[in-house]
Amino acid sequence: MTLPEDPSDMDNPTVVFPGPQEVEIEDRERPAPAADEVLVETATSLVSTGTELTILSGDYPEESVWDDYGTYPFDAGYANVGTVVEAGAAADISPGTRVATWSPHAAYVTARATDCVVVPDAVTDDQASLFAIAQIVMNGIRRGRVTWGETAVVYGAGILGQFATRLCQLAGAETVIGVDLAQNRLDFLPDDPAVVAVDPDDEIPAKVVQTVSNGRFADVCFEVTGNPDAIPEEFEVLRDQGRLVLLSSPHGETTLDFHDSVNAPSTEIIGAHQLSHPSTATVADPWTKRRHAELYFSYLRQGRLAVADLFTHAVDPADAPDLYRDLLDDRTQAMAVRIEW
């Protein structure tokens, strides 16, 4: 991982993965917006320690969906916050407007105006950079049908798991149990008597869940580890007719006794990829990605969701290759990670 030149001398520095375990800052031309697009000058962009590192590692099955994601060279990143500096003739967003877009790590990006989410003045760039994580998890919570009084278990206390824990509480869960092998990740869970942290090396999660739920076990369990080998154990924390929500993107096969884990207890398995958001709001389902981002910003403004303490790393573009190297070595030391442009 080498840095050929200073990004500050580039017209449009962009983070690129030329191949597995390779990171470069590539100089590109500043893009011009099409009629329905805007040109955004990036303030900050969030690093996905899940999807991006999976693609960077190259460690995923051949002939799987990951092959479509991980075509090299790969433009890294998808959570961008910045200011509109130019608008196309048909774009209805004025220059000077702060927006959040699903765009890569680059100093300048273009995005369709209809895909931009305006960032309220009361929301900082740092807070806004987590909008895509919020959208992903909100969709999972909604598909998992979490409701008041329930017991929820979240396997994996990375950034998605942190949001899942907090949003389960906002959705009305009485108790949320966070499970992770890394103690420093568990330390990020809310200091709240209704949130229980479990290290599987120290305690058996199913026994803890049984105790805190008064023997009823969990109504819903969220898989956020991304580890296919962890999934069979997650069924053990659920009550009969409970729900297992695949919020992560496990890369690999899982061996499961479907009779004992699914058929006999009538467990419901729910996929929750962000692509399952409706493309257009309807009366039956108004919860598009835009609507979830707006809800996230609303929670921030109301003080009902705190995220400032989730950030562990913020680097300049010049330091991005070293950051990715460190994350590949050990991502458990990182939570929310961003590049400052």
Protein backbone atom coordinates (compact mmCIF):
# COMPACT_ATOMS: atom_id res chain seq x y z
CA MET A 1 0.00 0.00 0.00
CA THR A 2 1.84 3.06 -1.22
CA LEU A 3 1.02 6.69 -1.69
CA PRO A 4 2.58 7.94 -4.94
CA GLU A 5 2.00 11.63 -4.36
CA ASP A 6 0.53 14.15 -1.95
CA PRO A 7 -3.30 14.22 -2.24
CA SER A 8 -3.26 17.96 -1.51
CA ASP A 9 -1.62 18.44 -4.92
CA MET A 10 -4.30 16.45 -6.73
CA ASP A 11 -7.32 17.82 -8.55
CA ASN A 12 -9.66 15.12 -7.20
CA PRO A 13 -7.98 12.57 -4.92
CA THR A 14 -9.97 9.33 -4.82
CA VAL A 15 -9.52 6.17 -2.71
CA VAL A 16 -9.18 3.14 -4.98
CA PHE A 17 -8.53 -0.56 -4.40
CA PRO A 18 -6.53 -1.64 -7.51
CA GLY A 19 -6.63 -5.24 -6.31
CA PRO A 20 -6.90 -7.35 -3.16
CA GLN A 21 -5.08 -5.74 -0.21
CA GLU A 22 -4.03 -2.77 -2.33
CA VAL A 23 -5.01 0.84 -1.59
CA GLU A 24 -4.07 3.90 -3.61
CA ILE A 25 -5.03 7.56 -3.71
CA GLU A 26 -5.67 8.16 -7.39
CA ASP A 27 -5.82 11.59 -8.97
CA ARG A 28 -8.87 12.01 -11.16
CA GLU A 29 -10.50 14.85 -12.99
CA ARG A 30 -13.11 16.78 -11.11
CA PRO A 31 -16.42 15.46 -12.46
CA ALA A 32 -19.01 17.69 -14.11
CA PRO A 33 -22.62 17.17 -13.01
CA ALA A 34 -25.21 16.03 -15.53
CA ALA A 35 -28.47 17.95 -15.85
CA ASP A 36 -30.10 16.05 -12.97
CA GLU A 37 -26.97 15.91 -10.81
CA VAL A 38 -25.03 18.08 -8.39
CA LEU A 39 -21.30 18.36 -7.79
CA VAL A 40 -20.45 17.90 -4.12
CA GLU A 41 -17.25 19.02 -2.41
CA THR A 42 -16.71 16.38 0.25
CA ALA A 43 -16.27 17.33 3.89
CA THR A 44 -16.04 13.82 5.33
CA SER A 45 -16.74 10.24 4.27
CA LEU A 46 -17.29 7.19 6.46
CA VAL A 47 -15.22 4.03 6.01
CA SER A 48 -17.22 0.81 6.04
CA THR A 49 -15.23 -1.57 8.21
CA GLY A 50 -17.49 -4.36 6.97
CA THR A 51 -18.17 -4.13 3.23
CA GLU A 52 -15.04 -2.21 2.25
CA LEU A 53 -12.66 -4.41 4.21
CA THR A 54 -14.29 -7.57 2.84
CA ILE A 55 -13.72 -6.31 -0.70
CA LEU A 56 -10.21 -5.09 0.11
CA SER A 57 -9.27 -8.45 1.65
CA GLY A 58 -10.52 -10.38 -1.38
CA ASP A 59 -11.63 -13.03 1.11
CA TYR A 60 -15.03 -14.07 -0.18
CA PRO A 61 -16.36 -17.05 -2.15
CA GLU A 62 -15.90 -17.11 -5.91
CA GLU A 63 -19.02 -16.92 -8.07
CA SER A 64 -20.97 -15.24 -5.28
CA VAL A 65 -22.71 -11.86 -5.07
CA TRP A 66 -19.46 -10.52 -3.59
CA ASP A 67 -17.85 -10.93 -7.03
CA ASP A 68 -20.16 -8.17 -8.29
CA TYR A 69 -19.23 -5.89 -5.38
CA GLY A 70 -15.52 -6.60 -5.50
CA THR A 71 -14.62 -5.97 -9.12
CA TYR A 72 -11.19 -4.35 -9.23
CA PRO A 73 -10.22 -1.59 -9.50
CA PHE A 74 -12.82 -0.71 -6.88
CA ASP A 75 -13.83 2.82 -5.89
CA ALA A 76 -14.04 2.56 -2.11
CA GLY A 77 -16.66 4.14 0.12
CA TYR A 78 -20.38 4.84 0.01
CA ALA A 79 -21.19 7.36 2.77
CA ASN A 80 -20.29 10.89 1.74
CA VAL A 81 -21.16 14.26 3.30
CA GLY A 82 -20.34 17.56 1.66
CA THR A 83 -21.55 20.81 0.15
CA VAL A 84 -23.09 21.30 -3.28
CA VAL A 85 -20.81 23.55 -5.34
CA GLU A 86 -22.52 23.20 -8.72
CA ALA A 87 -25.98 22.06 -9.80
CA GLY A 88 -27.11 20.74 -13.15
CA ALA A 89 -29.83 22.54 -15.09
CA ALA A 90 -32.57 20.16 -13.90
CA ALA A 91 -31.31 19.70 -10.31
CA ASP A 92 -33.42 21.39 -7.65
CA ILE A 93 -30.70 21.72 -4.99
CA SER A 94 -28.93 25.05 -4.64
CA PRO A 95 -25.17 25.44 -4.31
CA GLY A 96 -24.19 25.87 -0.67
CA THR A 97 -26.55 23.11 0.52
CA ARG A 98 -25.03 20.40 2.68
CA VAL A 99 -26.02 16.92 1.54
CA ALA A 100 -25.44 13.26 2.34
CA THR A 101 -25.05 10.87 -0.58
CA TRP A 102 -24.13 7.25 -1.29
CA SER A 103 -20.88 8.27 -2.98
CA PRO A 104 -17.25 7.09 -2.76
CA HIS A 105 -14.25 8.48 -0.90
CA ALA A 106 -13.20 11.41 -3.09
CA ALA A 107 -12.67 15.14 -2.73
CA TYR A 108 -15.40 15.79 -5.32
CA VAL A 109 -18.31 13.53 -6.29
CA THR A 110 -21.45 13.83 -8.37
CA ALA A 111 -24.84 12.53 -7.30
CA ARG A 112 -28.37 12.72 -8.65
CA ALA A 113 -30.21 15.51 -6.91
CA THR A 114 -33.09 13.16 -6.12
CA ASP A 115 -30.68 10.86 -4.26
CA CYS A 116 -29.29 13.63 -2.03
CA VAL A 117 -30.50 14.02 1.54
CA VAL A 118 -30.24 17.56 2.87
CA VAL A 119 -28.35 17.70 6.18
CA PRO A 120 -30.07 19.96 8.76
CA ASP A 121 -28.05 22.82 10.24
CA ALA A 122 -28.26 21.25 13.71
CA VAL A 123 -26.52 18.07 12.51
CA THR A 124 -22.71 18.10 12.23
CA ASP A 125 -20.78 16.63 9.32
CA ASP A 126 -19.45 13.93 11.64
CA GLN A 127 -22.92 12.93 12.78
CA ALA A 128 -24.25 13.03 9.23
CA SER A 129 -21.51 10.69 7.98
CA LEU A 130 -23.28 7.83 9.77
CA PHE A 131 -26.48 8.32 7.76
CA ALA A 132 -25.94 5.23 5.59
CA ILE A 133 -25.29 3.04 8.65
CA ALA A 134 -28.50 4.40 10.15
CA GLN A 135 -30.44 3.65 6.97
CA ILE A 136 -29.12 0.09 6.83
CA VAL A 137 -29.92 -0.67 10.46
CA MET A 138 -33.28 1.10 10.50
CA ASN A 139 -34.34 -1.04 7.57
CA GLY A 140 -33.25 -4.13 9.49
CA ILE A 141 -35.07 -3.10 12.66
CA ARG A 142 -38.21 -2.41 10.66
CA ARG A 143 -38.00 -5.71 8.75
CA GLY A 144 -37.40 -7.46 12.05
CA ARG A 145 -40.63 -5.93 13.39
CA VAL A 146 -39.14 -4.98 16.77
CA THR A 147 -41.86 -3.68 19.04
CA TRP A 148 -42.34 -2.50 22.62
CA GLY A 149 -41.71 -4.93 25.44
CA GLU A 150 -39.62 -7.38 23.41
CA THR A 151 -36.21 -8.86 24.19
CA ALA A 152 -33.67 -8.41 21.40
CA VAL A 153 -30.21 -9.90 20.98
CA VAL A 154 -27.56 -8.30 18.77
CA TYR A 155 -24.68 -10.56 17.76
CA GLY A 156 -21.75 -8.33 16.83
CA ALA A 157 -21.01 -4.99 18.51
CA GLY A 158 -19.31 -3.21 15.64
CA ILE A 159 -20.79 0.00 14.26
CA LEU A 160 -23.86 -1.77 12.82
CA GLY A 161 -24.38 -3.61 16.09
CA GLN A 162 -24.05 -0.38 18.07
CA PHE A 163 -26.79 1.20 15.97
CA ALA A 164 -28.91 -1.94 16.16
CA THR A 165 -28.73 -1.88 19.96
CA ARG A 166 -29.70 1.78 20.20
CA LEU A 167 -32.44 1.58 17.57
CA CYS A 168 -33.96 -1.54 19.14
CA GLN A 169 -34.34 0.53 22.29
CA LEU A 170 -35.91 3.40 20.36
CA ALA A 171 -38.29 0.90 18.75
CA GLY A 172 -39.44 -0.18 22.21
CA ALA A 173 -37.42 -3.26 23.12
CA GLU A 174 -37.44 -3.77 26.87
CA THR A 175 -34.01 -5.39 26.99
CA VAL A 176 -31.19 -5.62 24.44
CA ILE A 177 -28.33 -8.10 24.83
CA GLY A 178 -25.16 -7.29 22.88
CA VAL A 179 -22.83 -10.20 22.14
CA ASP A 180 -19.23 -9.85 20.99
CA LEU A 181 -15.85 -11.49 21.58
CA ALA A 182 -14.05 -8.12 21.72
CA GLN A 183 -14.37 -6.44 25.12
CA ASN A 184 -13.48 -3.02 23.72
CA ARG A 185 -16.48 -3.24 21.39
CA LEU A 186 -18.76 -4.21 24.25
CA ASP A 187 -17.49 -1.13 26.10
CA PHE A 188 -19.16 1.06 23.46
CA LEU A 189 -22.63 -0.27 24.29
CA PRO A 190 -24.89 2.22 26.10
CA ASP A 191 -24.42 2.42 29.86
CA ASP A 192 -28.02 1.47 30.50
CA PRO A 193 -29.54 -1.19 32.80
CA ALA A 194 -31.69 -2.32 29.87
CA VAL A 195 -28.57 -3.17 27.82
CA VAL A 196 -26.62 -6.31 28.73
CA ALA A 197 -23.14 -7.03 27.35
CA VAL A 198 -22.05 -10.65 26.84
CA ASP A 199 -18.64 -12.04 25.92
CA PRO A 200 -19.21 -15.63 24.67
CA ASP A 201 -15.77 -16.59 26.01
CA ASP A 202 -16.99 -15.79 29.53
CA GLU A 203 -20.71 -16.62 29.42
CA ILE A 204 -23.08 -18.71 27.35
CA PRO A 205 -25.30 -16.18 25.53
CA ALA A 206 -28.39 -18.40 25.58
CA LYS A 207 -28.18 -18.77 29.36
CA VAL A 208 -27.81 -15.02 29.84
CA VAL A 209 -30.78 -14.36 27.56
CA GLN A 210 -32.84 -16.95 29.41
CA THR A 211 -32.06 -15.25 32.72
CA VAL A 212 -32.70 -11.63 31.72
CA SER A 213 -35.92 -12.56 29.87
CA ASN A 214 -37.34 -14.49 32.84
CA GLY A 215 -37.10 -17.72 30.90
CA ARG A 216 -38.88 -16.46 27.80
CA PHE A 217 -35.74 -16.11 25.63
CA ALA A 218 -35.44 -13.51 22.85
CA ASP A 219 -38.16 -12.45 20.47
CA VAL A 220 -35.66 -11.34 17.84
CA CYS A 221 -31.95 -11.80 17.20
CA PHE A 222 -29.87 -9.68 14.81
CA GLU A 223 -26.89 -11.27 13.07
CA VAL A 224 -24.28 -8.50 12.66
CA THR A 225 -21.02 -10.45 12.96
CA GLY A 226 -20.67 -11.26 9.27
CA ASN A 227 -19.28 -14.63 10.37
CA PRO A 228 -21.19 -17.56 8.84
CA ASP A 229 -19.86 -19.89 11.54
CA ALA A 230 -21.52 -17.83 14.29
CA ILE A 231 -25.03 -18.10 12.86
CA PRO A 232 -26.08 -21.58 14.13
CA GLU A 233 -25.46 -20.51 17.74
CA GLU A 234 -27.68 -17.47 17.30
CA PHE A 235 -30.80 -19.61 16.94
CA GLU A 236 -30.26 -20.85 20.50
CA VAL A 237 -31.17 -17.49 22.07
CA LEU A 238 -34.60 -17.35 20.39
CA ARG A 239 -37.97 -18.38 21.75
CA ASP A 240 -40.25 -20.57 19.67
CA GLN A 241 -41.51 -18.62 16.64
CA GLY A 242 -38.78 -16.03 17.18
CA ARG A 243 -37.12 -14.04 14.40
CA LEU A 244 -33.51 -14.13 13.18
CA VAL A 245 -32.59 -11.05 11.11
CA LEU A 246 -29.58 -11.20 8.80
CA LEU A 247 -28.40 -7.59 9.05
CA SER A 248 -24.79 -8.38 8.18
CA SER A 249 -23.49 -9.74 4.87
CA PRO A 250 -21.86 -13.05 5.82
CA HIS A 251 -19.34 -14.20 3.21
CA GLY A 252 -19.35 -17.97 3.17
CA GLU A 253 -21.58 -20.97 3.79
CA THR A 254 -23.40 -21.83 7.00
CA THR A 255 -24.21 -25.41 8.02
CA LEU A 256 -27.54 -25.55 9.82
CA ASP A 257 -29.90 -28.24 11.07
CA PHE A 258 -33.06 -26.74 9.64
CA HIS A 259 -35.32 -29.11 11.49
CA ASP A 260 -34.00 -28.31 14.97
CA SER A 261 -33.26 -24.62 14.40
CA VAL A 262 -36.03 -23.56 12.03
CA ASN A 263 -38.79 -26.05 11.39
CA ALA A 264 -39.47 -27.40 14.89
CA PRO A 265 -39.43 -24.01 16.68
CA SER A 266 -41.00 -22.32 13.62
CA THR A 267 -38.25 -19.72 13.54
CA GLU A 268 -38.54 -16.95 10.97
CA ILE A 269 -35.37 -16.01 9.05
CA ILE A 270 -35.44 -12.47 7.66
CA GLY A 271 -32.98 -10.96 5.17
CA ALA A 272 -32.37 -7.26 5.68
CA HIS A 273 -30.01 -5.90 3.01
CA GLN A 274 -30.25 -2.16 2.45
CA LEU A 275 -31.33 -2.85 -1.13
CA SER A 276 -34.67 -4.06 0.24
CA HIS A 277 -35.63 -0.44 0.91
CA PRO A 278 -38.54 0.52 -1.36
CA SER A 279 -37.35 2.67 -4.25
CA THR A 280 -40.48 4.79 -4.01
CA ALA A 281 -42.56 5.67 -0.97
CA THR A 282 -46.05 4.19 -0.96
CA VAL A 283 -48.91 4.25 1.53
CA ALA A 284 -48.16 0.61 2.33
CA ASP A 285 -44.42 1.23 2.78
CA PRO A 286 -43.21 4.84 3.05
CA TRP A 287 -39.82 3.91 4.56
CA THR A 288 -37.38 4.68 1.77
CA LYS A 289 -33.69 5.32 2.40
CA ARG A 290 -34.40 9.06 2.34
CA ARG A 291 -37.14 8.70 4.95
CA HIS A 292 -34.85 6.70 7.23
CA ALA A 293 -32.05 9.29 6.87
CA GLU A 294 -34.50 12.03 7.79
CA LEU A 295 -35.62 10.00 10.82
CA TYR A 296 -31.99 9.56 11.86
CA PHE A 297 -31.38 13.31 11.63
CA SER A 298 -34.56 13.91 13.62
CA TYR A 299 -33.38 11.62 16.43
CA LEU A 300 -30.08 13.51 16.53
CA ARG A 301 -31.79 16.91 16.73
CA GLN A 302 -34.10 15.68 19.49
CA GLY A 303 -31.19 14.30 21.50
CA ARG A 304 -32.74 10.81 21.44
CA LEU A 305 -29.72 9.26 19.74
CA ALA A 306 -26.08 10.01 20.60
CA VAL A 307 -23.28 9.00 18.22
CA ALA A 308 -20.34 11.30 19.02
CA ASP A 309 -18.71 8.71 21.29
CA LEU A 310 -18.73 6.10 18.52
CA PHE A 311 -15.95 7.73 16.49
CA THR A 312 -12.49 6.25 17.00
CA HIS A 313 -10.56 7.32 13.88
CA ALA A 314 -10.48 10.40 11.63
CA VAL A 315 -7.66 10.70 9.10
CA ASP A 316 -6.55 12.85 6.20
CA PRO A 317 -6.67 11.30 2.70
CA ALA A 318 -2.88 10.93 2.74
CA ASP A 319 -3.18 8.57 5.70
CA ALA A 320 -5.98 6.45 4.20
CA PRO A 321 -3.69 3.61 2.93
CA ASP A 322 -2.15 3.19 6.39
CA LEU A 323 -5.61 3.31 7.95
CA TYR A 324 -6.88 0.49 5.74
CA ARG A 325 -3.74 -1.56 6.47
CA ASP A 326 -4.32 -1.19 10.20
CA LEU A 327 -8.00 -2.09 9.85
CA LEU A 328 -7.14 -5.22 7.85
CA ASP A 329 -4.77 -6.24 10.63
CA ASP A 330 -7.33 -5.69 13.41
CA ARG A 331 -10.66 -4.00 12.93
CA THR A 332 -11.80 -4.70 16.49
CA GLN A 333 -9.94 -1.60 17.67
CA ALA A 334 -12.08 0.63 15.44
CA MET A 335 -15.69 1.73 15.61
CA ALA A 336 -16.81 4.65 13.43
CA VAL A 337 -13.99 5.61 11.05
CA ARG A 338 -13.96 8.54 8.65
CA ILE A 339 -11.74 10.39 6.19
CA GLU A 340 -11.58 14.17 6.55
CA TRP A 341 -11.30 15.94 3.22
